[in-house]
Amino acid sequence: MIFDSLMGLFSNDLAVDLGTANTLVYVRGKGIVLNEPSVVAIKKDTTIVLSVGEEAKQMLGRTPGNIVAIRPMKDGVIANFEIAEAMLSYFIQKIHNRKRMIRPRIIVCVPSGITQVEKRAVKDSAQQAGAREVYLVEEPMAAAVGANLPIQEPSGNMIVDIGGGTTEVAVISLAGIVYSLSVRVGGDEMDESIIQHIKRKYNLLIGERTAEAIKINVGSAFPLPEPKHMDIKGRDLVGGIPKTISINDEEIRGCMSETISTIVQAVKTALEETPPELAADIVDRGIVLAGGGSLLAGLDSLLREETRLPILYAESPLGAVATGAGKMLNELELLRHVSLKD
């Protein structure tokens, strides 16, 4: 029993999937222990944090004038350094029950197209938040490990990780990324296109949370077997009063088509750039989808039609990146091999 509690104290290493939409934290020996929106509510014109995560997300679009709900991540990278640091600190302390003495080793997952400056910002944020050592791992690599792909074998594995701010397409062989493409579109872009469509067509203003609910309930990338409808509420831009309208899956599919075709094009480009030997492996094994954005209804059907390849899902698309990074906490040799160098 004493040994267990000692192990609990020392095995406090973390893997963090610091996403644009959600932050997931994996604790060594426990699995994913936290999955909360990457949102922070602060007092206006200050850096005083009022709430973080789920509680702060409930405030999006609903705050009084002196409170602002901010997303410190944009396109998969830190857009607001101080707020990102406060958010990370909050999550780390929440996991370790507010114990400040604990300084964990942390793996942070980042987009494959990350710049040197962005790398530095992520590392500094994690260190300021209390990390002893910080390793940066590319999201598609972590997603591939989380999806149980045989990345260390000399064969081609293709992973498509669609998050809130970025879509990562990568071909991995021998524990290295042979080809990667990072496009800064994802679930958030789909939400934004829904907001703009409703505004243009119906003169109705809706918020981020409503747009996300529309995407989840009636959004799709491919015609659905049965039509779907949904009633939504917003503010009429002409009269200024609340109004309810009805929308269907076909029009939402239409307004998201540009974002979806960018993702499909990224997959096709990656396939064109893949060395022939590895491309042959992908024909046999197919393409694996991960990330919350991949759960859009019909996306697998569309990719299957466009590429003529098998399309599979990671066991847990939402948690694949965090789980993969978490597994690397127990495989330090692999971690040192795949982590990004300064």
C-alpha atoms as a PDB file:
ATOM      1  CA  MET A   1       0.000   0.000   0.000  1.00  0.00           C
ATOM      2  CA  ILE A   2       2.825   2.388   0.928  1.00  0.00           C
ATOM      3  CA  PHE A   3       4.582   1.376  -2.309  1.00  0.00           C
ATOM      4  CA  ASP A   4       1.434   2.208  -4.298  1.00  0.00           C
ATOM      5  CA  SER A   5       1.138   5.673  -2.772  1.00  0.00           C
ATOM      6  CA  LEU A   6       4.843   6.327  -3.409  1.00  0.00           C
ATOM      7  CA  MET A   7       4.392   5.239  -7.005  1.00  0.00           C
ATOM      8  CA  GLY A   8       1.396   7.575  -7.225  1.00  0.00           C
ATOM      9  CA  LEU A   9       3.607  10.441  -6.085  1.00  0.00           C
ATOM     10  CA  PHE A  10       6.395   9.731  -8.528  1.00  0.00           C
ATOM     11  CA  SER A  11       4.369   8.663 -11.553  1.00  0.00           C
ATOM     12  CA  ASN A  12       2.891  12.109 -12.066  1.00  0.00           C
ATOM     13  CA  ASP A  13       4.118  12.468 -15.647  1.00  0.00           C
ATOM     14  CA  LEU A  14       1.531  13.884 -18.029  1.00  0.00           C
ATOM     15  CA  ALA A  15       0.758  13.893 -21.724  1.00  0.00           C
ATOM     16  CA  VAL A  16      -1.251  16.887 -22.921  1.00  0.00           C
ATOM     17  CA  ASP A  17      -3.199  17.215 -26.145  1.00  0.00           C
ATOM     18  CA  LEU A  18      -3.406  21.000 -26.124  1.00  0.00           C
ATOM     19  CA  GLY A  19      -6.139  21.417 -28.709  1.00  0.00           C
ATOM     20  CA  THR A  20      -7.863  24.447 -30.178  1.00  0.00           C
ATOM     21  CA  ALA A  21     -11.267  23.147 -29.053  1.00  0.00           C
ATOM     22  CA  ASN A  22     -10.453  20.762 -26.179  1.00  0.00           C
ATOM     23  CA  THR A  23      -7.524  19.947 -23.920  1.00  0.00           C
ATOM     24  CA  LEU A  24      -7.056  16.313 -22.924  1.00  0.00           C
ATOM     25  CA  VAL A  25      -4.630  15.215 -20.229  1.00  0.00           C
ATOM     26  CA  TYR A  26      -3.303  11.683 -19.830  1.00  0.00           C
ATOM     27  CA  VAL A  27      -1.701  10.702 -16.519  1.00  0.00           C
ATOM     28  CA  ARG A  28       0.808   7.880 -16.523  1.00  0.00           C
ATOM     29  CA  GLY A  29      -0.779   4.740 -15.096  1.00  0.00           C
ATOM     30  CA  LYS A  30      -4.299   6.228 -15.083  1.00  0.00           C
ATOM     31  CA  GLY A  31      -5.135   7.078 -18.699  1.00  0.00           C
ATOM     32  CA  ILE A  32      -7.084  10.183 -19.793  1.00  0.00           C
ATOM     33  CA  VAL A  33      -8.215  11.939 -16.624  1.00  0.00           C
ATOM     34  CA  LEU A  34      -9.263  15.294 -18.048  1.00  0.00           C
ATOM     35  CA  ASN A  35     -11.106  16.346 -21.192  1.00  0.00           C
ATOM     36  CA  GLU A  36     -12.235  19.962 -21.048  1.00  0.00           C
ATOM     37  CA  PRO A  37     -12.819  22.791 -23.530  1.00  0.00           C
ATOM     38  CA  SER A  38      -9.771  25.027 -24.137  1.00  0.00           C
ATOM     39  CA  VAL A  39     -11.600  28.100 -22.869  1.00  0.00           C
ATOM     40  CA  VAL A  40     -10.674  30.560 -20.110  1.00  0.00           C
ATOM     41  CA  ALA A  41     -12.959  33.228 -18.612  1.00  0.00           C
ATOM     42  CA  ILE A  42     -11.102  36.318 -17.407  1.00  0.00           C
ATOM     43  CA  LYS A  43     -11.924  39.765 -16.038  1.00  0.00           C
ATOM     44  CA  LYS A  44     -11.932  42.263 -18.891  1.00  0.00           C
ATOM     45  CA  ASP A  45      -8.625  44.115 -19.467  1.00  0.00           C
ATOM     46  CA  THR A  46      -6.830  41.940 -16.870  1.00  0.00           C
ATOM     47  CA  THR A  47      -5.300  38.464 -16.684  1.00  0.00           C
ATOM     48  CA  ILE A  48      -7.387  37.526 -13.629  1.00  0.00           C
ATOM     49  CA  VAL A  49      -8.745  34.041 -14.362  1.00  0.00           C
ATOM     50  CA  LEU A  50     -12.319  33.440 -13.201  1.00  0.00           C
ATOM     51  CA  SER A  51     -12.949  29.966 -14.602  1.00  0.00           C
ATOM     52  CA  VAL A  52     -11.398  27.429 -16.965  1.00  0.00           C
ATOM     53  CA  GLY A  53     -12.638  24.575 -19.133  1.00  0.00           C
ATOM     54  CA  GLU A  54     -16.256  23.391 -19.105  1.00  0.00           C
ATOM     55  CA  GLU A  55     -17.391  26.144 -16.741  1.00  0.00           C
ATOM     56  CA  ALA A  56     -15.792  28.824 -18.943  1.00  0.00           C
ATOM     57  CA  LYS A  57     -17.289  27.314 -22.124  1.00  0.00           C
ATOM     58  CA  GLN A  58     -20.783  27.686 -20.661  1.00  0.00           C
ATOM     59  CA  MET A  59     -19.998  31.420 -20.517  1.00  0.00           C
ATOM     60  CA  LEU A  60     -19.122  31.718 -24.244  1.00  0.00           C
ATOM     61  CA  GLY A  61     -21.416  34.352 -25.717  1.00  0.00           C
ATOM     62  CA  ARG A  62     -23.220  34.747 -22.387  1.00  0.00           C
ATOM     63  CA  THR A  63     -20.860  36.859 -20.288  1.00  0.00           C
ATOM     64  CA  PRO A  64     -21.618  40.260 -18.757  1.00  0.00           C
ATOM     65  CA  GLY A  65     -19.503  43.163 -20.018  1.00  0.00           C
ATOM     66  CA  ASN A  66     -16.763  42.783 -17.390  1.00  0.00           C
ATOM     67  CA  ILE A  67     -16.081  39.080 -18.135  1.00  0.00           C
ATOM     68  CA  VAL A  68     -14.502  37.765 -21.349  1.00  0.00           C
ATOM     69  CA  ALA A  69     -14.383  34.095 -22.394  1.00  0.00           C
ATOM     70  CA  ILE A  70     -11.197  33.493 -24.395  1.00  0.00           C
ATOM     71  CA  ARG A  71      -9.815  30.583 -26.382  1.00  0.00           C
ATOM     72  CA  PRO A  72      -6.022  30.843 -25.918  1.00  0.00           C
ATOM     73  CA  MET A  73      -5.390  28.391 -28.789  1.00  0.00           C
ATOM     74  CA  LYS A  74      -5.874  29.231 -32.441  1.00  0.00           C
ATOM     75  CA  ASP A  75      -5.144  26.858 -35.345  1.00  0.00           C
ATOM     76  CA  GLY A  76      -3.607  24.377 -32.904  1.00  0.00           C
ATOM     77  CA  VAL A  77      -1.016  26.801 -31.522  1.00  0.00           C
ATOM     78  CA  ILE A  78      -0.874  29.319 -28.693  1.00  0.00           C
ATOM     79  CA  ALA A  79      -2.438  32.652 -29.607  1.00  0.00           C
ATOM     80  CA  ASN A  80      -2.488  34.101 -26.096  1.00  0.00           C
ATOM     81  CA  PHE A  81       0.595  33.132 -24.111  1.00  0.00           C
ATOM     82  CA  GLU A  82      -0.432  34.298 -20.600  1.00  0.00           C
ATOM     83  CA  ILE A  83      -3.913  32.803 -20.806  1.00  0.00           C
ATOM     84  CA  ALA A  84      -2.590  29.477 -22.194  1.00  0.00           C
ATOM     85  CA  GLU A  85      -0.132  29.296 -19.299  1.00  0.00           C
ATOM     86  CA  ALA A  86      -2.915  30.002 -16.775  1.00  0.00           C
ATOM     87  CA  MET A  87      -5.067  27.307 -18.387  1.00  0.00           C
ATOM     88  CA  LEU A  88      -2.277  24.706 -18.315  1.00  0.00           C
ATOM     89  CA  SER A  89      -1.441  25.551 -14.682  1.00  0.00           C
ATOM     90  CA  TYR A  90      -5.089  25.162 -13.740  1.00  0.00           C
ATOM     91  CA  PHE A  91      -5.402  21.745 -15.436  1.00  0.00           C
ATOM     92  CA  ILE A  92      -2.117  20.447 -13.935  1.00  0.00           C
ATOM     93  CA  GLN A  93      -3.117  21.544 -10.437  1.00  0.00           C
ATOM     94  CA  LYS A  94      -6.615  20.118 -10.863  1.00  0.00           C
ATOM     95  CA  ILE A  95      -5.136  16.724 -11.730  1.00  0.00           C
ATOM     96  CA  HIS A  96      -2.660  16.781  -8.840  1.00  0.00           C
ATOM     97  CA  ASN A  97      -5.270  18.003  -6.359  1.00  0.00           C
ATOM     98  CA  ARG A  98      -3.729  21.443  -6.060  1.00  0.00           C
ATOM     99  CA  LYS A  99      -0.308  20.081  -4.949  1.00  0.00           C
ATOM    100  CA  ARG A 100       2.111  22.779  -6.007  1.00  0.00           C
ATOM    101  CA  MET A 101       5.281  20.823  -5.116  1.00  0.00           C
ATOM    102  CA  ILE A 102       4.777  18.349  -7.956  1.00  0.00           C
ATOM    103  CA  ARG A 103       6.789  19.148 -11.088  1.00  0.00           C
ATOM    104  CA  PRO A 104       5.835  16.559 -13.715  1.00  0.00           C
ATOM    105  CA  ARG A 105       7.514  15.582 -16.939  1.00  0.00           C
ATOM    106  CA  ILE A 106       5.109  16.667 -19.680  1.00  0.00           C
ATOM    107  CA  ILE A 107       4.621  15.668 -23.299  1.00  0.00           C
ATOM    108  CA  VAL A 108       2.720  18.303 -25.287  1.00  0.00           C
ATOM    109  CA  CYS A 109       1.286  17.448 -28.706  1.00  0.00           C
ATOM    110  CA  VAL A 110       1.676  20.113 -31.406  1.00  0.00           C
ATOM    111  CA  PRO A 111       0.736  20.444 -35.112  1.00  0.00           C
ATOM    112  CA  SER A 112       3.344  19.143 -37.567  1.00  0.00           C
ATOM    113  CA  GLY A 113       3.528  22.534 -39.308  1.00  0.00           C
ATOM    114  CA  ILE A 114       4.570  24.338 -36.097  1.00  0.00           C
ATOM    115  CA  THR A 115       7.161  27.114 -36.381  1.00  0.00           C
ATOM    116  CA  GLN A 116      10.224  27.571 -34.177  1.00  0.00           C
ATOM    117  CA  VAL A 117       8.593  30.555 -32.413  1.00  0.00           C
ATOM    118  CA  GLU A 118       5.386  28.579 -31.758  1.00  0.00           C
ATOM    119  CA  LYS A 119       7.461  25.659 -30.412  1.00  0.00           C
ATOM    120  CA  ARG A 120       9.188  27.985 -27.964  1.00  0.00           C
ATOM    121  CA  ALA A 121       5.830  29.415 -26.816  1.00  0.00           C
ATOM    122  CA  VAL A 122       4.414  25.946 -26.061  1.00  0.00           C
ATOM    123  CA  LYS A 123       7.587  24.876 -24.190  1.00  0.00           C
ATOM    124  CA  ASP A 124       7.720  28.076 -22.156  1.00  0.00           C
ATOM    125  CA  SER A 125       4.024  27.830 -21.260  1.00  0.00           C
ATOM    126  CA  ALA A 126       4.417  24.250 -20.019  1.00  0.00           C
ATOM    127  CA  GLN A 127       7.528  25.149 -17.996  1.00  0.00           C
ATOM    128  CA  GLN A 128       5.860  28.208 -16.465  1.00  0.00           C
ATOM    129  CA  ALA A 129       2.872  26.010 -15.629  1.00  0.00           C
ATOM    130  CA  GLY A 130       5.159  23.790 -13.539  1.00  0.00           C
ATOM    131  CA  ALA A 131       6.718  21.178 -15.850  1.00  0.00           C
ATOM    132  CA  ARG A 132      10.123  19.734 -14.963  1.00  0.00           C
ATOM    133  CA  GLU A 133      10.851  18.540 -18.500  1.00  0.00           C
ATOM    134  CA  VAL A 134       8.889  19.264 -21.665  1.00  0.00           C
ATOM    135  CA  TYR A 135       8.814  17.073 -24.774  1.00  0.00           C
ATOM    136  CA  LEU A 136       7.011  18.194 -27.933  1.00  0.00           C
ATOM    137  CA  VAL A 137       5.528  15.465 -30.121  1.00  0.00           C
ATOM    138  CA  GLU A 138       3.794  15.993 -33.462  1.00  0.00           C
ATOM    139  CA  GLU A 139       0.068  15.295 -33.271  1.00  0.00           C
ATOM    140  CA  PRO A 140      -0.115  12.823 -36.179  1.00  0.00           C
ATOM    141  CA  MET A 141       2.687  10.743 -34.609  1.00  0.00           C
ATOM    142  CA  ALA A 142       0.873  10.658 -31.258  1.00  0.00           C
ATOM    143  CA  ALA A 143      -2.448   9.882 -33.005  1.00  0.00           C
ATOM    144  CA  ALA A 144      -0.835   6.977 -34.878  1.00  0.00           C
ATOM    145  CA  VAL A 145       0.515   5.501 -31.610  1.00  0.00           C
ATOM    146  CA  GLY A 146      -2.895   6.053 -29.977  1.00  0.00           C
ATOM    147  CA  ALA A 147      -4.590   4.287 -32.914  1.00  0.00           C
ATOM    148  CA  ASN A 148      -2.236   1.283 -32.382  1.00  0.00           C
ATOM    149  CA  LEU A 149      -0.616   1.586 -35.815  1.00  0.00           C
ATOM    150  CA  PRO A 150       2.670  -0.344 -36.204  1.00  0.00           C
ATOM    151  CA  ILE A 151       4.687   2.868 -36.633  1.00  0.00           C
ATOM    152  CA  GLN A 152       8.062   1.253 -35.905  1.00  0.00           C
ATOM    153  CA  GLU A 153       7.769  -1.239 -38.776  1.00  0.00           C
ATOM    154  CA  PRO A 154       9.155  -0.461 -42.256  1.00  0.00           C
ATOM    155  CA  SER A 155       5.661  -0.045 -43.708  1.00  0.00           C
ATOM    156  CA  GLY A 156       3.427   2.871 -44.613  1.00  0.00           C
ATOM    157  CA  ASN A 157       0.788   4.067 -42.140  1.00  0.00           C
ATOM    158  CA  MET A 158      -1.421   6.999 -43.045  1.00  0.00           C
ATOM    159  CA  ILE A 159      -3.170   8.991 -40.344  1.00  0.00           C
ATOM    160  CA  VAL A 160      -5.556  11.931 -40.748  1.00  0.00           C
ATOM    161  CA  ASP A 161      -6.084  13.851 -37.500  1.00  0.00           C
ATOM    162  CA  ILE A 162      -8.858  16.468 -37.748  1.00  0.00           C
ATOM    163  CA  GLY A 163      -8.988  18.770 -34.747  1.00  0.00           C
ATOM    164  CA  GLY A 164     -10.687  22.059 -33.973  1.00  0.00           C
ATOM    165  CA  GLY A 165      -8.079  24.265 -35.607  1.00  0.00           C
ATOM    166  CA  THR A 166      -5.921  22.035 -37.802  1.00  0.00           C
ATOM    167  CA  THR A 167      -6.058  18.939 -39.974  1.00  0.00           C
ATOM    168  CA  GLU A 168      -2.887  16.867 -39.902  1.00  0.00           C
ATOM    169  CA  VAL A 169      -2.210  14.303 -42.613  1.00  0.00           C
ATOM    170  CA  ALA A 170       0.896  12.160 -42.195  1.00  0.00           C
ATOM    171  CA  VAL A 171       2.530   9.043 -43.594  1.00  0.00           C
ATOM    172  CA  ILE A 172       4.623   7.283 -40.956  1.00  0.00           C
ATOM    173  CA  SER A 173       7.211   4.523 -41.331  1.00  0.00           C
ATOM    174  CA  LEU A 174      10.061   3.323 -39.075  1.00  0.00           C
ATOM    175  CA  ALA A 175       8.928   5.686 -36.259  1.00  0.00           C
ATOM    176  CA  GLY A 176       9.449   8.700 -38.493  1.00  0.00           C
ATOM    177  CA  ILE A 177       7.151  10.997 -40.457  1.00  0.00           C
ATOM    178  CA  VAL A 178       7.921  10.393 -44.141  1.00  0.00           C
ATOM    179  CA  TYR A 179       5.484  13.033 -45.350  1.00  0.00           C
ATOM    180  CA  SER A 180       3.220  15.407 -43.455  1.00  0.00           C
ATOM    181  CA  LEU A 181       0.823  18.152 -44.377  1.00  0.00           C
ATOM    182  CA  SER A 182      -0.795  20.475 -41.872  1.00  0.00           C
ATOM    183  CA  VAL A 183      -3.707  22.620 -43.035  1.00  0.00           C
ATOM    184  CA  ARG A 184      -5.135  25.148 -40.627  1.00  0.00           C
ATOM    185  CA  VAL A 185      -8.766  24.171 -41.058  1.00  0.00           C
ATOM    186  CA  GLY A 186     -10.848  21.930 -38.829  1.00  0.00           C
ATOM    187  CA  GLY A 187     -14.003  21.805 -36.760  1.00  0.00           C
ATOM    188  CA  ASP A 188     -13.873  25.521 -35.864  1.00  0.00           C
ATOM    189  CA  GLU A 189     -13.838  26.484 -39.531  1.00  0.00           C
ATOM    190  CA  MET A 190     -16.956  24.340 -40.066  1.00  0.00           C
ATOM    191  CA  ASP A 191     -18.686  26.149 -37.163  1.00  0.00           C
ATOM    192  CA  GLU A 192     -17.713  29.539 -38.600  1.00  0.00           C
ATOM    193  CA  SER A 193     -19.096  28.655 -42.047  1.00  0.00           C
ATOM    194  CA  ILE A 194     -22.411  27.673 -40.396  1.00  0.00           C
ATOM    195  CA  ILE A 195     -22.557  31.021 -38.513  1.00  0.00           C
ATOM    196  CA  GLN A 196     -21.915  32.970 -41.751  1.00  0.00           C
ATOM    197  CA  HIS A 197     -24.450  30.921 -43.750  1.00  0.00           C
ATOM    198  CA  ILE A 198     -27.250  31.464 -41.191  1.00  0.00           C
ATOM    199  CA  LYS A 199     -26.379  35.160 -41.064  1.00  0.00           C
ATOM    200  CA  ARG A 200     -26.441  35.575 -44.867  1.00  0.00           C
ATOM    201  CA  LYS A 201     -29.469  33.442 -45.642  1.00  0.00           C
ATOM    202  CA  TYR A 202     -31.739  34.147 -42.664  1.00  0.00           C
ATOM    203  CA  ASN A 203     -30.394  37.452 -41.232  1.00  0.00           C
ATOM    204  CA  LEU A 204     -30.054  35.528 -37.986  1.00  0.00           C
ATOM    205  CA  LEU A 205     -27.129  35.798 -35.590  1.00  0.00           C
ATOM    206  CA  ILE A 206     -26.119  32.621 -33.737  1.00  0.00           C
ATOM    207  CA  GLY A 207     -23.218  31.908 -31.375  1.00  0.00           C
ATOM    208  CA  GLU A 208     -20.356  29.385 -31.466  1.00  0.00           C
ATOM    209  CA  ARG A 209     -22.128  26.892 -29.220  1.00  0.00           C
ATOM    210  CA  THR A 210     -25.268  26.863 -31.406  1.00  0.00           C
ATOM    211  CA  ALA A 211     -23.130  26.418 -34.548  1.00  0.00           C
ATOM    212  CA  GLU A 212     -21.355  23.457 -32.942  1.00  0.00           C
ATOM    213  CA  ALA A 213     -24.693  21.887 -31.969  1.00  0.00           C
ATOM    214  CA  ILE A 214     -25.899  22.274 -35.597  1.00  0.00           C
ATOM    215  CA  LYS A 215     -22.722  20.604 -36.917  1.00  0.00           C
ATOM    216  CA  ILE A 216     -23.095  17.678 -34.499  1.00  0.00           C
ATOM    217  CA  ASN A 217     -26.843  17.162 -34.998  1.00  0.00           C
ATOM    218  CA  VAL A 218     -27.433  17.823 -38.706  1.00  0.00           C
ATOM    219  CA  GLY A 219     -23.962  18.399 -40.180  1.00  0.00           C
ATOM    220  CA  SER A 220     -22.571  15.868 -42.669  1.00  0.00           C
ATOM    221  CA  ALA A 221     -19.955  15.529 -45.392  1.00  0.00           C
ATOM    222  CA  PHE A 222     -21.943  13.075 -47.527  1.00  0.00           C
ATOM    223  CA  PRO A 223     -25.682  12.732 -48.264  1.00  0.00           C
ATOM    224  CA  LEU A 224     -27.386  11.034 -45.315  1.00  0.00           C
ATOM    225  CA  PRO A 225     -29.656   7.979 -45.654  1.00  0.00           C
ATOM    226  CA  GLU A 226     -32.504  10.050 -44.180  1.00  0.00           C
ATOM    227  CA  PRO A 227     -32.900  13.858 -44.207  1.00  0.00           C
ATOM    228  CA  LYS A 228     -32.419  15.665 -40.897  1.00  0.00           C
ATOM    229  CA  HIS A 229     -34.010  18.903 -39.659  1.00  0.00           C
ATOM    230  CA  MET A 230     -33.344  21.092 -36.656  1.00  0.00           C
ATOM    231  CA  ASP A 231     -34.948  24.173 -35.121  1.00  0.00           C
ATOM    232  CA  ILE A 232     -32.468  26.822 -34.046  1.00  0.00           C
ATOM    233  CA  LYS A 233     -32.810  30.057 -32.108  1.00  0.00           C
ATOM    234  CA  GLY A 234     -30.873  33.267 -32.634  1.00  0.00           C
ATOM    235  CA  ARG A 235     -31.214  37.031 -32.871  1.00  0.00           C
ATOM    236  CA  ASP A 236     -32.903  38.552 -35.907  1.00  0.00           C
ATOM    237  CA  LEU A 237     -30.517  41.140 -37.361  1.00  0.00           C
ATOM    238  CA  VAL A 238     -33.367  43.164 -38.881  1.00  0.00           C
ATOM    239  CA  GLY A 239     -35.814  43.346 -35.979  1.00  0.00           C
ATOM    240  CA  GLY A 240     -33.263  42.737 -33.221  1.00  0.00           C
ATOM    241  CA  ILE A 241     -35.549  40.235 -31.485  1.00  0.00           C
ATOM    242  CA  PRO A 242     -35.035  36.476 -30.861  1.00  0.00           C
ATOM    243  CA  LYS A 243     -36.333  34.217 -33.630  1.00  0.00           C
ATOM    244  CA  THR A 244     -36.553  30.469 -34.383  1.00  0.00           C
ATOM    245  CA  ILE A 245     -35.923  28.959 -37.817  1.00  0.00           C
ATOM    246  CA  SER A 246     -35.732  25.424 -39.201  1.00  0.00           C
ATOM    247  CA  ILE A 247     -32.686  24.153 -41.119  1.00  0.00           C
ATOM    248  CA  ASN A 248     -31.827  20.841 -42.814  1.00  0.00           C
ATOM    249  CA  ASP A 249     -28.759  18.680 -43.393  1.00  0.00           C
ATOM    250  CA  GLU A 250     -28.485  19.511 -47.110  1.00  0.00           C
ATOM    251  CA  GLU A 251     -27.987  23.259 -46.626  1.00  0.00           C
ATOM    252  CA  ILE A 252     -25.529  22.740 -43.758  1.00  0.00           C
ATOM    253  CA  ARG A 253     -23.565  20.271 -45.906  1.00  0.00           C
ATOM    254  CA  GLY A 254     -23.495  22.891 -48.640  1.00  0.00           C
ATOM    255  CA  CYS A 255     -22.171  25.677 -46.420  1.00  0.00           C
ATOM    256  CA  MET A 256     -19.430  23.436 -44.959  1.00  0.00           C
ATOM    257  CA  SER A 257     -18.392  22.044 -48.350  1.00  0.00           C
ATOM    258  CA  GLU A 258     -15.426  24.394 -48.801  1.00  0.00           C
ATOM    259  CA  THR A 259     -13.813  23.360 -45.498  1.00  0.00           C
ATOM    260  CA  ILE A 260     -14.516  19.684 -46.163  1.00  0.00           C
ATOM    261  CA  SER A 261     -13.024  19.835 -49.672  1.00  0.00           C
ATOM    262  CA  THR A 262      -9.845  21.437 -48.210  1.00  0.00           C
ATOM    263  CA  ILE A 263      -9.496  18.393 -45.922  1.00  0.00           C
ATOM    264  CA  VAL A 264     -10.157  15.948 -48.789  1.00  0.00           C
ATOM    265  CA  GLN A 265      -7.621  17.784 -50.980  1.00  0.00           C
ATOM    266  CA  ALA A 266      -4.992  17.561 -48.201  1.00  0.00           C
ATOM    267  CA  VAL A 267      -5.482  13.776 -48.073  1.00  0.00           C
ATOM    268  CA  LYS A 268      -5.191  13.497 -51.870  1.00  0.00           C
ATOM    269  CA  THR A 269      -2.034  15.656 -51.912  1.00  0.00           C
ATOM    270  CA  ALA A 270      -0.444  13.459 -49.237  1.00  0.00           C
ATOM    271  CA  LEU A 271      -1.272  10.338 -51.259  1.00  0.00           C
ATOM    272  CA  GLU A 272       0.312  11.878 -54.375  1.00  0.00           C
ATOM    273  CA  GLU A 273       3.496  12.713 -52.444  1.00  0.00           C
ATOM    274  CA  THR A 274       3.855   9.319 -50.750  1.00  0.00           C
ATOM    275  CA  PRO A 275       6.725   7.101 -51.997  1.00  0.00           C
ATOM    276  CA  PRO A 276       5.352   4.218 -54.152  1.00  0.00           C
ATOM    277  CA  GLU A 277       6.399   1.405 -51.770  1.00  0.00           C
ATOM    278  CA  LEU A 278       4.609   3.037 -48.855  1.00  0.00           C
ATOM    279  CA  ALA A 279       1.606   3.921 -51.038  1.00  0.00           C
ATOM    280  CA  ALA A 280       1.203   0.186 -51.727  1.00  0.00           C
ATOM    281  CA  ASP A 281       0.978  -0.446 -47.956  1.00  0.00           C
ATOM    282  CA  ILE A 282      -1.687   2.254 -47.601  1.00  0.00           C
ATOM    283  CA  VAL A 283      -3.771   0.570 -50.340  1.00  0.00           C
ATOM    284  CA  ASP A 284      -3.780  -2.585 -48.171  1.00  0.00           C
ATOM    285  CA  ARG A 285      -4.128  -0.970 -44.761  1.00  0.00           C
ATOM    286  CA  GLY A 286      -6.235   2.052 -45.573  1.00  0.00           C
ATOM    287  CA  ILE A 287      -6.307   5.516 -44.018  1.00  0.00           C
ATOM    288  CA  VAL A 288      -6.952   5.923 -40.295  1.00  0.00           C
ATOM    289  CA  LEU A 289      -9.034   8.878 -39.058  1.00  0.00           C
ATOM    290  CA  ALA A 290      -8.608  10.494 -35.642  1.00  0.00           C
ATOM    291  CA  GLY A 291      -9.586  13.747 -33.903  1.00  0.00           C
ATOM    292  CA  GLY A 292     -13.007  15.160 -33.034  1.00  0.00           C
ATOM    293  CA  GLY A 293     -13.508  16.642 -36.514  1.00  0.00           C
ATOM    294  CA  SER A 294     -13.306  13.176 -38.075  1.00  0.00           C
ATOM    295  CA  LEU A 295     -16.590  12.285 -36.355  1.00  0.00           C
ATOM    296  CA  LEU A 296     -18.547  14.480 -38.789  1.00  0.00           C
ATOM    297  CA  ALA A 297     -21.249  12.234 -40.242  1.00  0.00           C
ATOM    298  CA  GLY A 298     -20.385  10.777 -43.656  1.00  0.00           C
ATOM    299  CA  LEU A 299     -16.771  12.003 -43.737  1.00  0.00           C
ATOM    300  CA  ASP A 300     -15.488   8.423 -43.999  1.00  0.00           C
ATOM    301  CA  SER A 301     -17.924   7.735 -46.890  1.00  0.00           C
ATOM    302  CA  LEU A 302     -16.756  10.855 -48.742  1.00  0.00           C
ATOM    303  CA  LEU A 303     -13.060   9.991 -48.325  1.00  0.00           C
ATOM    304  CA  ARG A 304     -13.763   6.405 -49.403  1.00  0.00           C
ATOM    305  CA  GLU A 305     -15.433   7.665 -52.579  1.00  0.00           C
ATOM    306  CA  GLU A 306     -12.692  10.236 -53.315  1.00  0.00           C
ATOM    307  CA  THR A 307      -9.648   8.000 -52.666  1.00  0.00           C
ATOM    308  CA  ARG A 308     -11.019   4.497 -53.392  1.00  0.00           C
ATOM    309  CA  LEU A 309      -9.169   3.323 -50.269  1.00  0.00           C
ATOM    310  CA  PRO A 310     -10.365   1.684 -47.042  1.00  0.00           C
ATOM    311  CA  ILE A 311     -11.142   4.322 -44.386  1.00  0.00           C
ATOM    312  CA  LEU A 312     -10.932   3.272 -40.736  1.00  0.00           C
ATOM    313  CA  TYR A 313     -11.393   5.073 -37.433  1.00  0.00           C
ATOM    314  CA  ALA A 314      -9.001   5.038 -34.489  1.00  0.00           C
ATOM    315  CA  GLU A 315     -10.500   3.168 -31.538  1.00  0.00           C
ATOM    316  CA  SER A 316     -11.165   6.448 -29.723  1.00  0.00           C
ATOM    317  CA  PRO A 317     -10.881   9.276 -32.282  1.00  0.00           C
ATOM    318  CA  LEU A 318     -11.212  12.037 -29.675  1.00  0.00           C
ATOM    319  CA  GLY A 319      -8.615  10.585 -27.321  1.00  0.00           C
ATOM    320  CA  ALA A 320      -6.170   9.113 -29.864  1.00  0.00           C
ATOM    321  CA  VAL A 321      -3.584  11.928 -29.630  1.00  0.00           C
ATOM    322  CA  ALA A 322      -3.578  12.067 -25.813  1.00  0.00           C
ATOM    323  CA  THR A 323      -3.530   8.260 -25.526  1.00  0.00           C
ATOM    324  CA  GLY A 324      -0.634   7.958 -27.988  1.00  0.00           C
ATOM    325  CA  ALA A 325       1.405  10.593 -26.171  1.00  0.00           C
ATOM    326  CA  GLY A 326       0.528   8.879 -22.890  1.00  0.00           C
ATOM    327  CA  LYS A 327       1.874   5.556 -24.150  1.00  0.00           C
ATOM    328  CA  MET A 328       5.162   7.287 -24.938  1.00  0.00           C
ATOM    329  CA  LEU A 329       5.577   8.128 -21.237  1.00  0.00           C
ATOM    330  CA  ASN A 330       6.310   4.407 -20.762  1.00  0.00           C
ATOM    331  CA  GLU A 331       8.514   4.167 -23.866  1.00  0.00           C
ATOM    332  CA  LEU A 332      11.178   6.777 -23.284  1.00  0.00           C
ATOM    333  CA  GLU A 333      13.352   5.450 -26.103  1.00  0.00           C
ATOM    334  CA  LEU A 334      10.545   5.991 -28.619  1.00  0.00           C
ATOM    335  CA  LEU A 335       9.751   9.381 -27.046  1.00  0.00           C
ATOM    336  CA  ARG A 336      13.337  10.595 -27.444  1.00  0.00           C
ATOM    337  CA  HIS A 337      13.321   9.367 -31.034  1.00  0.00           C
ATOM    338  CA  VAL A 338      10.085  11.076 -32.084  1.00  0.00           C
ATOM    339  CA  SER A 339      10.103  14.265 -29.972  1.00  0.00           C
ATOM    340  CA  LEU A 340      10.885  17.513 -31.742  1.00  0.00           C
ATOM    341  CA  LYS A 341      14.346  18.901 -31.198  1.00  0.00           C
ATOM    342  CA  ASP A 342      14.943  22.622 -30.614  1.00  0.00           C
END
